[in-house]
Amino acid sequence: MKLLATVCFLVLAVSPGVAQDVTEGPAGEPIQLPDRQDVCQYGFQDDQIGSGYTLNNNQQLGIQCPAAGCISGVGFYCEFIVTQGDLDVVIYDDGTEVFRYTIPSGTLVEGVNDIMFGQDVAVGGDACIMLCPVDSFYAVTGEDFTNGPFGNTYFSNDCMCSNPFTSVNLTIWAHLCGAVPVSETSWGTVRMMYQ
C-alpha cells in the first residue's frame, strides 16, 4: 500500500499540467495596476513579492477574455527576468490560433510591459492570450491572490489555455479595441432604416 501511494504521488508530481512551476528571485517593487476601460484584466497587484509563477519554455502563462471582440495589444507585469529571449504572444479564438506576434529578445523589461500589435486582431468567440517563450526567455509575472473572480488566468506546457489557476490571477492583460461588425451594411440600407 505504501509503494502504491508513493507511485501515485510521483505520477502526479511529474504529470504535465498538474503542478505549477514557481521561481524565487529578487523582490520587485509593490505595484497596483489601474482598473482601465477597454482592458481585459483580472490581476491588479503582486501579492507574492520575491517569487512567482515561472514563464519559460516549460511553462507558459496566459489569460482568457470572454467575448473579447477585438484585441489590439497585450501587457503584463514582470517582477523579474532571469534570462532574456524571444517571447511569442499567441491569440486563440475559441481554441483556434488566429494571431502570433514575436517580441524580440531584449525588448521586455522588469516592471510593466505594454505591447501594441500595430493591427487589430478580431476574435469572434472567447479569446485565449498566451505568453509563450520561443527560446531562452525566463521570467516571473506578478500574482494577485486578492482580486477575483479567479479561473481566467492559465498555465500550460503546450501554449494553450488548458490549466486555469483557481485561487490566483496573474498580472497579464489584453487591450480590447471594441466591437467587430458581424456583417457589412451599405450606407443606403442604413439611411433607409432611419427615414
N, C-alpha and C. Protein backbone atom coordinates (compact mmCIF):
# COMPACT_ATOMS: atom_id res chain seq x y z
N MET A 1 0.83 -1.19 0.00
CA MET A 1 0.00 0.00 0.00
C MET A 1 0.87 1.25 0.00
N LYS A 2 1.94 1.24 0.79
CA LYS A 2 2.84 2.38 0.85
C LYS A 2 3.51 2.60 -0.50
N LEU A 3 3.90 1.53 -1.19
CA LEU A 3 4.51 1.63 -2.50
C LEU A 3 3.53 2.23 -3.51
N LEU A 4 2.27 1.82 -3.47
CA LEU A 4 1.25 2.35 -4.37
C LEU A 4 1.04 3.85 -4.14
N ALA A 5 1.00 4.28 -2.89
CA ALA A 5 0.83 5.70 -2.57
C ALA A 5 2.02 6.51 -3.07
N THR A 6 3.23 5.98 -2.93
CA THR A 6 4.43 6.67 -3.41
C THR A 6 4.41 6.80 -4.93
N VAL A 7 4.03 5.73 -5.63
CA VAL A 7 3.97 5.76 -7.10
C VAL A 7 2.93 6.79 -7.56
N CYS A 8 1.75 6.81 -6.92
CA CYS A 8 0.70 7.78 -7.29
C CYS A 8 1.18 9.21 -7.08
N PHE A 9 1.90 9.48 -5.98
CA PHE A 9 2.43 10.81 -5.73
C PHE A 9 3.42 11.21 -6.80
N LEU A 10 4.32 10.30 -7.18
CA LEU A 10 5.32 10.61 -8.20
C LEU A 10 4.67 10.86 -9.56
N VAL A 11 3.65 10.10 -9.91
CA VAL A 11 2.95 10.33 -11.18
C VAL A 11 2.32 11.70 -11.20
N LEU A 12 1.67 12.10 -10.10
CA LEU A 12 1.06 13.42 -10.04
C LEU A 12 2.11 14.52 -10.09
N ALA A 13 3.24 14.29 -9.47
CA ALA A 13 4.28 15.31 -9.42
C ALA A 13 4.91 15.56 -10.78
N VAL A 14 4.98 14.57 -11.65
CA VAL A 14 5.63 14.74 -12.94
C VAL A 14 4.65 14.84 -14.10
N SER A 15 3.35 14.72 -13.86
CA SER A 15 2.37 14.83 -14.94
C SER A 15 2.34 16.25 -15.46
N PRO A 16 2.37 16.42 -16.80
CA PRO A 16 2.34 17.78 -17.34
C PRO A 16 1.01 18.44 -17.03
N GLY A 17 1.06 19.72 -16.69
CA GLY A 17 -0.15 20.47 -16.44
C GLY A 17 -0.73 20.30 -15.05
N VAL A 18 -0.16 19.46 -14.21
CA VAL A 18 -0.71 19.23 -12.89
C VAL A 18 -0.14 20.23 -11.88
N ALA A 19 1.15 20.41 -11.86
CA ALA A 19 1.79 21.30 -10.91
C ALA A 19 2.27 22.56 -11.61
N GLN A 20 2.22 23.67 -10.90
CA GLN A 20 2.71 24.92 -11.46
C GLN A 20 4.14 25.14 -10.99
N ASP A 21 5.01 25.58 -11.93
CA ASP A 21 6.39 25.89 -11.59
C ASP A 21 6.46 27.28 -10.97
N VAL A 22 7.19 27.41 -9.87
CA VAL A 22 7.38 28.67 -9.17
C VAL A 22 8.88 28.96 -9.13
N THR A 23 9.24 30.22 -9.33
CA THR A 23 10.64 30.64 -9.27
C THR A 23 10.79 31.72 -8.21
N GLU A 24 11.85 31.61 -7.41
CA GLU A 24 12.17 32.65 -6.43
C GLU A 24 13.32 33.47 -6.95
N GLY A 25 13.31 34.77 -6.62
CA GLY A 25 14.36 35.65 -7.11
C GLY A 25 14.32 36.98 -6.40
N PRO A 26 14.94 37.99 -7.00
CA PRO A 26 14.97 39.31 -6.35
C PRO A 26 13.56 39.90 -6.30
N ALA A 27 13.21 40.47 -5.17
CA ALA A 27 11.87 41.04 -4.99
C ALA A 27 11.71 42.29 -5.82
N GLY A 28 10.60 42.37 -6.54
CA GLY A 28 10.27 43.58 -7.26
C GLY A 28 9.61 44.57 -6.32
N GLU A 29 9.25 45.72 -6.86
CA GLU A 29 8.56 46.74 -6.08
C GLU A 29 7.07 46.39 -5.99
N PRO A 30 6.40 46.76 -4.90
CA PRO A 30 4.95 46.58 -4.84
C PRO A 30 4.29 47.38 -5.96
N ILE A 31 3.27 46.81 -6.58
CA ILE A 31 2.58 47.51 -7.67
C ILE A 31 1.08 47.50 -7.42
N GLN A 32 0.40 48.45 -8.02
CA GLN A 32 -1.06 48.48 -8.06
C GLN A 32 -1.43 48.98 -9.45
N LEU A 33 -1.85 48.07 -10.31
CA LEU A 33 -2.21 48.42 -11.68
C LEU A 33 -3.61 49.03 -11.68
N PRO A 34 -3.84 50.02 -12.55
CA PRO A 34 -5.16 50.65 -12.58
C PRO A 34 -6.22 49.75 -13.20
N ASP A 35 -7.46 49.95 -12.80
CA ASP A 35 -8.59 49.28 -13.42
C ASP A 35 -9.00 50.16 -14.60
N ARG A 36 -8.79 49.69 -15.82
CA ARG A 36 -8.96 50.52 -17.02
C ARG A 36 -10.11 50.03 -17.88
N GLN A 37 -10.74 50.96 -18.58
CA GLN A 37 -11.75 50.62 -19.58
C GLN A 37 -11.05 49.99 -20.77
N ASP A 38 -11.75 49.17 -21.51
CA ASP A 38 -11.23 48.54 -22.73
C ASP A 38 -10.01 47.67 -22.48
N VAL A 39 -9.90 47.10 -21.28
CA VAL A 39 -8.82 46.18 -20.95
C VAL A 39 -9.42 44.96 -20.27
N CYS A 40 -9.06 43.77 -20.74
CA CYS A 40 -9.45 42.53 -20.08
C CYS A 40 -8.34 42.20 -19.08
N GLN A 41 -8.65 42.27 -17.79
CA GLN A 41 -7.63 42.09 -16.77
C GLN A 41 -8.26 41.57 -15.49
N TYR A 42 -7.56 40.67 -14.79
CA TYR A 42 -8.06 40.11 -13.54
C TYR A 42 -7.07 40.34 -12.39
N GLY A 43 -5.76 40.38 -12.66
CA GLY A 43 -4.75 40.60 -11.64
C GLY A 43 -4.27 42.04 -11.65
N PHE A 44 -4.33 42.72 -10.49
CA PHE A 44 -4.00 44.14 -10.42
C PHE A 44 -2.82 44.46 -9.51
N GLN A 45 -2.32 43.46 -8.76
CA GLN A 45 -1.21 43.72 -7.84
C GLN A 45 -0.40 42.44 -7.69
N ASP A 46 0.80 42.59 -7.15
CA ASP A 46 1.67 41.43 -6.91
C ASP A 46 1.68 41.15 -5.42
N ASP A 47 0.94 40.12 -5.02
CA ASP A 47 0.84 39.76 -3.60
C ASP A 47 1.95 38.83 -3.14
N GLN A 48 2.77 38.33 -4.05
CA GLN A 48 3.80 37.35 -3.71
C GLN A 48 5.16 37.90 -4.15
N ILE A 49 5.59 38.96 -3.51
CA ILE A 49 6.82 39.64 -3.91
C ILE A 49 8.03 38.77 -3.58
N GLY A 50 8.91 38.60 -4.58
CA GLY A 50 10.12 37.80 -4.40
C GLY A 50 10.03 36.41 -4.99
N SER A 51 8.84 36.02 -5.45
CA SER A 51 8.69 34.74 -6.13
C SER A 51 7.40 34.79 -6.94
N GLY A 52 7.28 33.86 -7.86
CA GLY A 52 6.07 33.84 -8.67
C GLY A 52 6.08 32.69 -9.65
N TYR A 53 5.02 32.63 -10.43
CA TYR A 53 4.88 31.56 -11.41
C TYR A 53 5.83 31.77 -12.56
N THR A 54 6.53 30.70 -12.92
CA THR A 54 7.58 30.72 -13.92
C THR A 54 6.99 30.85 -15.32
N LEU A 55 7.60 31.72 -16.12
CA LEU A 55 7.28 31.87 -17.53
C LEU A 55 8.54 31.50 -18.30
N ASN A 56 8.55 30.27 -18.85
CA ASN A 56 9.70 29.81 -19.63
C ASN A 56 9.24 28.74 -20.61
N ASN A 57 10.19 28.04 -21.25
CA ASN A 57 9.83 27.01 -22.23
C ASN A 57 9.00 25.88 -21.63
N ASN A 58 9.18 25.60 -20.34
CA ASN A 58 8.45 24.51 -19.70
C ASN A 58 7.07 24.91 -19.21
N GLN A 59 6.84 26.22 -19.03
CA GLN A 59 5.54 26.68 -18.55
C GLN A 59 5.21 28.03 -19.17
N GLN A 60 4.11 28.07 -19.90
CA GLN A 60 3.63 29.30 -20.49
C GLN A 60 2.47 29.82 -19.65
N LEU A 61 2.25 31.13 -19.69
CA LEU A 61 1.21 31.75 -18.87
C LEU A 61 0.29 32.58 -19.76
N GLY A 62 -0.98 32.71 -19.34
CA GLY A 62 -1.90 33.47 -20.17
C GLY A 62 -3.18 33.86 -19.46
N ILE A 63 -4.10 34.40 -20.26
CA ILE A 63 -5.36 34.92 -19.77
C ILE A 63 -6.46 34.60 -20.78
N GLN A 64 -7.67 34.42 -20.29
CA GLN A 64 -8.82 34.23 -21.17
C GLN A 64 -9.72 35.45 -21.05
N CYS A 65 -10.20 35.94 -22.20
CA CYS A 65 -11.11 37.08 -22.24
C CYS A 65 -12.39 36.68 -22.95
N PRO A 66 -13.46 36.41 -22.20
CA PRO A 66 -14.71 36.01 -22.82
C PRO A 66 -15.26 37.10 -23.74
N ALA A 67 -15.71 36.71 -24.94
CA ALA A 67 -16.32 37.61 -25.92
C ALA A 67 -15.49 38.88 -26.11
N ALA A 68 -14.21 38.72 -26.36
CA ALA A 68 -13.29 39.86 -26.46
C ALA A 68 -13.62 40.79 -27.63
N GLY A 69 -14.04 40.25 -28.75
CA GLY A 69 -14.37 41.07 -29.92
C GLY A 69 -13.15 41.44 -30.74
N CYS A 70 -12.23 42.18 -30.15
CA CYS A 70 -11.07 42.67 -30.88
C CYS A 70 -9.95 42.98 -29.89
N ILE A 71 -8.74 42.55 -30.20
CA ILE A 71 -7.58 42.76 -29.32
C ILE A 71 -6.52 43.54 -30.08
N SER A 72 -6.04 44.64 -29.48
CA SER A 72 -5.04 45.48 -30.14
C SER A 72 -3.65 45.33 -29.53
N GLY A 73 -3.56 44.71 -28.36
CA GLY A 73 -2.26 44.53 -27.72
C GLY A 73 -2.40 43.76 -26.42
N VAL A 74 -1.26 43.49 -25.80
CA VAL A 74 -1.24 42.79 -24.52
C VAL A 74 -0.26 43.50 -23.59
N GLY A 75 -0.36 43.18 -22.33
CA GLY A 75 0.58 43.70 -21.36
C GLY A 75 0.72 42.72 -20.22
N PHE A 76 1.82 42.87 -19.50
CA PHE A 76 1.98 42.08 -18.28
C PHE A 76 3.03 42.73 -17.40
N TYR A 77 2.86 42.51 -16.10
CA TYR A 77 3.85 42.98 -15.13
C TYR A 77 4.84 41.84 -14.91
N CYS A 78 6.11 42.13 -15.12
CA CYS A 78 7.18 41.16 -14.96
C CYS A 78 7.97 41.53 -13.70
N GLU A 79 7.88 40.71 -12.66
CA GLU A 79 8.59 41.04 -11.41
C GLU A 79 10.10 40.98 -11.60
N PHE A 80 10.56 39.92 -12.26
CA PHE A 80 11.99 39.86 -12.60
C PHE A 80 12.20 38.96 -13.79
N ILE A 81 13.30 39.20 -14.50
CA ILE A 81 13.68 38.42 -15.67
C ILE A 81 14.96 37.67 -15.32
N VAL A 82 14.95 36.36 -15.53
CA VAL A 82 16.12 35.54 -15.27
C VAL A 82 17.02 35.53 -16.51
N THR A 83 16.42 35.31 -17.69
CA THR A 83 17.17 35.25 -18.95
C THR A 83 16.34 35.91 -20.05
N GLN A 84 16.98 36.79 -20.83
CA GLN A 84 16.30 37.40 -21.98
C GLN A 84 16.18 36.39 -23.12
N GLY A 85 15.22 36.62 -23.98
CA GLY A 85 15.00 35.77 -25.15
C GLY A 85 13.73 36.22 -25.86
N ASP A 86 13.40 35.60 -26.97
CA ASP A 86 12.18 35.93 -27.71
C ASP A 86 10.97 35.38 -26.96
N LEU A 87 9.85 36.10 -27.11
CA LEU A 87 8.60 35.69 -26.49
C LEU A 87 7.48 35.83 -27.52
N ASP A 88 6.74 34.77 -27.76
CA ASP A 88 5.57 34.83 -28.64
C ASP A 88 4.33 35.15 -27.83
N VAL A 89 3.50 36.05 -28.37
CA VAL A 89 2.15 36.26 -27.87
C VAL A 89 1.25 35.55 -28.86
N VAL A 90 0.47 34.58 -28.37
CA VAL A 90 -0.39 33.77 -29.24
C VAL A 90 -1.84 34.00 -28.81
N ILE A 91 -2.69 34.33 -29.80
CA ILE A 91 -4.11 34.56 -29.53
C ILE A 91 -4.93 33.46 -30.20
N TYR A 92 -5.82 32.87 -29.42
CA TYR A 92 -6.74 31.84 -29.90
C TYR A 92 -8.16 32.38 -29.86
N ASP A 93 -8.95 32.02 -30.85
CA ASP A 93 -10.38 32.34 -30.91
C ASP A 93 -11.13 31.02 -30.75
N ASP A 94 -11.72 30.82 -29.57
CA ASP A 94 -12.41 29.56 -29.25
C ASP A 94 -11.52 28.35 -29.54
N GLY A 95 -10.23 28.44 -29.19
CA GLY A 95 -9.31 27.32 -29.32
C GLY A 95 -8.54 27.24 -30.63
N THR A 96 -8.85 28.10 -31.60
CA THR A 96 -8.14 28.11 -32.88
C THR A 96 -7.18 29.29 -32.92
N GLU A 97 -5.91 29.03 -33.21
CA GLU A 97 -4.93 30.12 -33.27
C GLU A 97 -5.27 31.06 -34.41
N VAL A 98 -5.37 32.37 -34.09
CA VAL A 98 -5.68 33.38 -35.10
C VAL A 98 -4.58 34.44 -35.24
N PHE A 99 -3.62 34.46 -34.31
CA PHE A 99 -2.59 35.51 -34.36
C PHE A 99 -1.39 35.08 -33.53
N ARG A 100 -0.20 35.42 -34.04
CA ARG A 100 1.05 35.17 -33.31
C ARG A 100 1.96 36.37 -33.53
N TYR A 101 2.50 36.89 -32.45
CA TYR A 101 3.34 38.08 -32.50
C TYR A 101 4.60 37.81 -31.68
N THR A 102 5.77 37.98 -32.29
CA THR A 102 7.03 37.71 -31.59
C THR A 102 7.61 39.01 -31.04
N ILE A 103 7.88 39.02 -29.74
CA ILE A 103 8.57 40.14 -29.09
C ILE A 103 10.04 39.76 -29.03
N PRO A 104 10.92 40.54 -29.68
CA PRO A 104 12.33 40.15 -29.76
C PRO A 104 13.06 40.24 -28.41
N SER A 105 14.09 39.44 -28.30
CA SER A 105 14.93 39.40 -27.10
C SER A 105 15.44 40.80 -26.77
N GLY A 106 15.43 41.12 -25.47
CA GLY A 106 15.95 42.40 -25.00
C GLY A 106 14.91 43.50 -24.98
N THR A 107 13.71 43.25 -25.51
CA THR A 107 12.66 44.26 -25.57
C THR A 107 11.90 44.38 -24.25
N LEU A 108 11.68 43.25 -23.58
CA LEU A 108 10.89 43.25 -22.35
C LEU A 108 11.73 43.69 -21.16
N VAL A 109 11.07 44.30 -20.17
CA VAL A 109 11.76 44.85 -19.00
C VAL A 109 11.12 44.33 -17.73
N GLU A 110 11.85 44.41 -16.65
CA GLU A 110 11.27 44.16 -15.34
C GLU A 110 10.33 45.32 -15.05
N GLY A 111 9.11 45.03 -14.68
CA GLY A 111 8.10 46.06 -14.49
C GLY A 111 6.98 45.87 -15.48
N VAL A 112 6.32 46.96 -15.86
CA VAL A 112 5.16 46.92 -16.75
C VAL A 112 5.61 46.88 -18.20
N ASN A 113 5.10 45.91 -18.95
CA ASN A 113 5.33 45.79 -20.38
C ASN A 113 3.99 45.91 -21.09
N ASP A 114 3.84 46.89 -21.97
CA ASP A 114 2.64 47.06 -22.79
C ASP A 114 3.07 46.93 -24.24
N ILE A 115 2.53 45.95 -24.93
CA ILE A 115 2.91 45.66 -26.32
C ILE A 115 1.68 45.86 -27.20
N MET A 116 1.75 46.83 -28.10
CA MET A 116 0.67 47.06 -29.06
C MET A 116 1.10 46.41 -30.37
N PHE A 117 0.15 45.70 -31.03
CA PHE A 117 0.48 44.90 -32.20
C PHE A 117 0.65 45.71 -33.48
N GLY A 118 0.06 46.89 -33.58
CA GLY A 118 0.10 47.64 -34.82
C GLY A 118 -1.03 47.23 -35.76
N GLN A 119 -1.85 46.29 -35.35
CA GLN A 119 -3.04 45.87 -36.08
C GLN A 119 -4.01 45.28 -35.07
N ASP A 120 -5.28 45.35 -35.39
CA ASP A 120 -6.30 44.78 -34.51
C ASP A 120 -6.53 43.32 -34.88
N VAL A 121 -6.74 42.50 -33.87
CA VAL A 121 -6.99 41.08 -34.07
C VAL A 121 -8.44 40.79 -33.71
N ALA A 122 -9.24 40.43 -34.72
CA ALA A 122 -10.65 40.13 -34.50
C ALA A 122 -10.80 38.75 -33.86
N VAL A 123 -11.66 38.68 -32.85
CA VAL A 123 -11.94 37.43 -32.15
C VAL A 123 -13.46 37.30 -32.05
N GLY A 124 -14.01 36.28 -32.66
CA GLY A 124 -15.46 36.10 -32.67
C GLY A 124 -16.01 35.47 -31.42
N GLY A 125 -15.22 34.66 -30.73
CA GLY A 125 -15.67 33.96 -29.52
C GLY A 125 -14.85 34.39 -28.32
N ASP A 126 -14.52 33.43 -27.46
CA ASP A 126 -13.68 33.70 -26.31
C ASP A 126 -12.21 33.72 -26.75
N ALA A 127 -11.47 34.70 -26.27
CA ALA A 127 -10.05 34.82 -26.61
C ALA A 127 -9.20 34.20 -25.52
N CYS A 128 -8.21 33.43 -25.94
CA CYS A 128 -7.16 32.94 -25.05
C CYS A 128 -5.89 33.61 -25.52
N ILE A 129 -5.21 34.33 -24.63
CA ILE A 129 -3.96 35.01 -24.97
C ILE A 129 -2.85 34.38 -24.13
N MET A 130 -1.89 33.75 -24.80
CA MET A 130 -0.80 33.07 -24.09
C MET A 130 0.53 33.75 -24.37
N LEU A 131 1.37 33.82 -23.33
CA LEU A 131 2.76 34.26 -23.44
C LEU A 131 3.60 32.99 -23.53
N CYS A 132 4.28 32.81 -24.68
CA CYS A 132 4.97 31.54 -24.95
C CYS A 132 6.43 31.81 -25.33
N PRO A 133 7.37 31.57 -24.41
CA PRO A 133 8.79 31.76 -24.74
C PRO A 133 9.21 30.91 -25.93
N VAL A 134 10.00 31.52 -26.83
CA VAL A 134 10.47 30.84 -28.03
C VAL A 134 11.77 30.11 -27.74
N ASP A 135 12.67 30.76 -27.04
CA ASP A 135 13.98 30.14 -26.77
C ASP A 135 14.30 30.24 -25.28
N SER A 136 15.22 31.06 -24.90
CA SER A 136 15.71 31.06 -23.52
C SER A 136 14.98 32.03 -22.59
N PHE A 137 13.95 32.74 -23.07
CA PHE A 137 13.28 33.71 -22.20
C PHE A 137 12.76 33.02 -20.94
N TYR A 138 13.06 33.63 -19.77
CA TYR A 138 12.71 33.06 -18.48
C TYR A 138 12.43 34.22 -17.54
N ALA A 139 11.20 34.30 -17.06
CA ALA A 139 10.81 35.43 -16.23
C ALA A 139 9.73 35.00 -15.24
N VAL A 140 9.27 35.95 -14.44
CA VAL A 140 8.23 35.73 -13.45
C VAL A 140 7.25 36.89 -13.51
N THR A 141 5.94 36.59 -13.56
CA THR A 141 4.91 37.63 -13.53
C THR A 141 4.47 37.85 -12.09
N GLY A 142 3.58 38.81 -11.90
CA GLY A 142 3.01 39.06 -10.59
C GLY A 142 1.79 38.18 -10.35
N GLU A 143 1.47 37.92 -9.08
CA GLU A 143 0.35 37.07 -8.69
C GLU A 143 -0.56 37.84 -7.74
N ASP A 144 -1.83 37.91 -8.08
CA ASP A 144 -2.82 38.63 -7.29
C ASP A 144 -3.77 37.61 -6.66
N PHE A 145 -3.63 37.41 -5.35
CA PHE A 145 -4.49 36.49 -4.60
C PHE A 145 -5.70 37.23 -4.01
N THR A 146 -5.79 38.54 -4.22
CA THR A 146 -6.80 39.37 -3.59
C THR A 146 -8.02 39.61 -4.47
N ASN A 147 -7.78 39.95 -5.74
CA ASN A 147 -8.86 40.35 -6.64
C ASN A 147 -9.39 39.17 -7.46
N GLY A 148 -10.65 38.83 -7.25
CA GLY A 148 -11.31 37.80 -8.04
C GLY A 148 -12.18 38.45 -9.08
N PRO A 149 -12.88 37.70 -9.88
CA PRO A 149 -13.02 36.24 -9.83
C PRO A 149 -11.77 35.55 -10.35
N PHE A 150 -11.60 34.30 -9.93
CA PHE A 150 -10.44 33.52 -10.35
C PHE A 150 -10.86 32.52 -11.42
N GLY A 151 -9.88 31.92 -12.08
CA GLY A 151 -10.16 30.92 -13.10
C GLY A 151 -10.01 31.42 -14.52
N ASN A 152 -9.59 32.68 -14.71
CA ASN A 152 -9.41 33.23 -16.05
C ASN A 152 -7.96 33.45 -16.44
N THR A 153 -7.02 33.07 -15.58
CA THR A 153 -5.60 33.07 -15.96
C THR A 153 -5.12 31.63 -15.95
N TYR A 154 -4.11 31.34 -16.79
CA TYR A 154 -3.76 29.96 -17.09
C TYR A 154 -2.26 29.70 -17.05
N PHE A 155 -1.91 28.44 -16.80
CA PHE A 155 -0.56 27.93 -17.01
C PHE A 155 -0.69 26.75 -17.95
N SER A 156 0.39 26.48 -18.69
CA SER A 156 0.33 25.45 -19.72
C SER A 156 1.73 24.99 -20.07
N ASN A 157 1.83 23.80 -20.64
CA ASN A 157 3.10 23.38 -21.23
C ASN A 157 2.94 23.13 -22.73
N ASP A 158 1.76 23.53 -23.28
CA ASP A 158 1.53 23.40 -24.72
C ASP A 158 1.04 24.70 -25.34
N CYS A 159 1.26 25.83 -24.66
CA CYS A 159 0.92 27.17 -25.14
C CYS A 159 -0.57 27.30 -25.45
N MET A 160 -1.42 26.73 -24.60
CA MET A 160 -2.88 26.81 -24.74
C MET A 160 -3.47 27.18 -23.37
N CYS A 161 -4.69 27.72 -23.37
CA CYS A 161 -5.40 27.99 -22.11
C CYS A 161 -5.98 26.67 -21.60
N SER A 162 -5.11 25.83 -21.03
CA SER A 162 -5.56 24.49 -20.66
C SER A 162 -5.65 24.25 -19.16
N ASN A 163 -4.97 25.02 -18.32
CA ASN A 163 -4.96 24.78 -16.88
C ASN A 163 -5.23 26.09 -16.14
N PRO A 164 -6.47 26.32 -15.71
CA PRO A 164 -6.76 27.59 -15.02
C PRO A 164 -6.22 27.60 -13.60
N PHE A 165 -5.74 28.78 -13.18
CA PHE A 165 -5.41 29.00 -11.77
C PHE A 165 -6.75 29.22 -11.05
N THR A 166 -6.96 28.55 -9.94
CA THR A 166 -8.25 28.63 -9.25
C THR A 166 -8.25 29.56 -8.04
N SER A 167 -7.08 30.02 -7.61
CA SER A 167 -7.05 30.90 -6.43
C SER A 167 -6.12 32.09 -6.61
N VAL A 168 -5.73 32.37 -7.85
CA VAL A 168 -4.82 33.48 -8.10
C VAL A 168 -5.10 34.01 -9.51
N ASN A 169 -4.86 35.31 -9.71
CA ASN A 169 -4.88 35.92 -11.03
C ASN A 169 -3.50 36.46 -11.33
N LEU A 170 -3.01 36.19 -12.53
CA LEU A 170 -1.72 36.72 -12.94
C LEU A 170 -1.88 38.15 -13.44
N THR A 171 -0.80 38.91 -13.37
CA THR A 171 -0.82 40.30 -13.84
C THR A 171 -0.54 40.34 -15.34
N ILE A 172 -1.50 39.81 -16.10
CA ILE A 172 -1.47 39.79 -17.56
C ILE A 172 -2.77 40.42 -18.02
N TRP A 173 -2.74 41.23 -19.09
CA TRP A 173 -3.97 41.85 -19.57
C TRP A 173 -3.96 41.94 -21.09
N ALA A 174 -5.15 42.17 -21.65
CA ALA A 174 -5.30 42.36 -23.09
C ALA A 174 -6.00 43.69 -23.33
N HIS A 175 -5.50 44.45 -24.30
CA HIS A 175 -6.14 45.70 -24.71
C HIS A 175 -7.23 45.36 -25.73
N LEU A 176 -8.46 45.73 -25.40
CA LEU A 176 -9.59 45.47 -26.29
C LEU A 176 -9.82 46.70 -27.16
N CYS A 177 -10.08 46.47 -28.45
CA CYS A 177 -10.24 47.61 -29.36
C CYS A 177 -11.68 47.85 -29.74
N GLY A 178 -12.62 47.18 -29.15
CA GLY A 178 -14.02 47.45 -29.42
C GLY A 178 -14.69 46.35 -30.21
N ALA A 179 -15.93 46.60 -30.55
CA ALA A 179 -16.73 45.60 -31.24
C ALA A 179 -16.29 45.44 -32.69
N VAL A 180 -16.44 44.26 -33.20
CA VAL A 180 -16.14 43.95 -34.59
C VAL A 180 -17.47 43.69 -35.30
N PRO A 181 -17.74 44.40 -36.42
CA PRO A 181 -19.01 44.17 -37.10
C PRO A 181 -19.11 42.74 -37.60
N VAL A 182 -20.31 42.17 -37.48
CA VAL A 182 -20.50 40.79 -37.91
C VAL A 182 -20.99 40.71 -39.36
N SER A 183 -21.55 41.80 -39.89
CA SER A 183 -21.95 41.82 -41.30
C SER A 183 -21.82 43.23 -41.84
N GLU A 184 -21.57 43.34 -43.12
CA GLU A 184 -21.45 44.64 -43.75
C GLU A 184 -22.83 45.13 -44.15
N THR A 185 -23.06 46.45 -43.99
CA THR A 185 -24.31 47.07 -44.38
C THR A 185 -23.99 48.29 -45.22
N SER A 186 -24.68 48.43 -46.33
CA SER A 186 -24.42 49.58 -47.21
C SER A 186 -24.97 50.85 -46.58
N TRP A 187 -24.41 51.99 -47.00
CA TRP A 187 -24.88 53.28 -46.50
C TRP A 187 -26.35 53.48 -46.86
N GLY A 188 -26.77 53.05 -48.03
CA GLY A 188 -28.16 53.18 -48.45
C GLY A 188 -29.11 52.44 -47.51
N THR A 189 -28.72 51.25 -47.08
CA THR A 189 -29.56 50.48 -46.16
C THR A 189 -29.66 51.17 -44.82
N VAL A 190 -28.54 51.69 -44.31
CA VAL A 190 -28.56 52.39 -43.04
C VAL A 190 -29.44 53.63 -43.13
N ARG A 191 -29.34 54.39 -44.23
CA ARG A 191 -30.12 55.61 -44.42
C ARG A 191 -31.62 55.27 -44.47
N MET A 192 -31.97 54.18 -45.12
CA MET A 192 -33.37 53.78 -45.22
C MET A 192 -33.95 53.39 -43.85
N MET A 193 -33.10 52.86 -42.95
CA MET A 193 -33.57 52.45 -41.62
C MET A 193 -34.00 53.66 -40.80
N TYR A 194 -33.41 54.82 -41.06
CA TYR A 194 -33.69 56.00 -40.25
C TYR A 194 -34.61 57.00 -40.93
N GLN A 195 -35.26 56.63 -42.05
CA GLN A 195 -36.22 57.55 -42.71
C GLN A 195 -37.60 57.37 -42.17
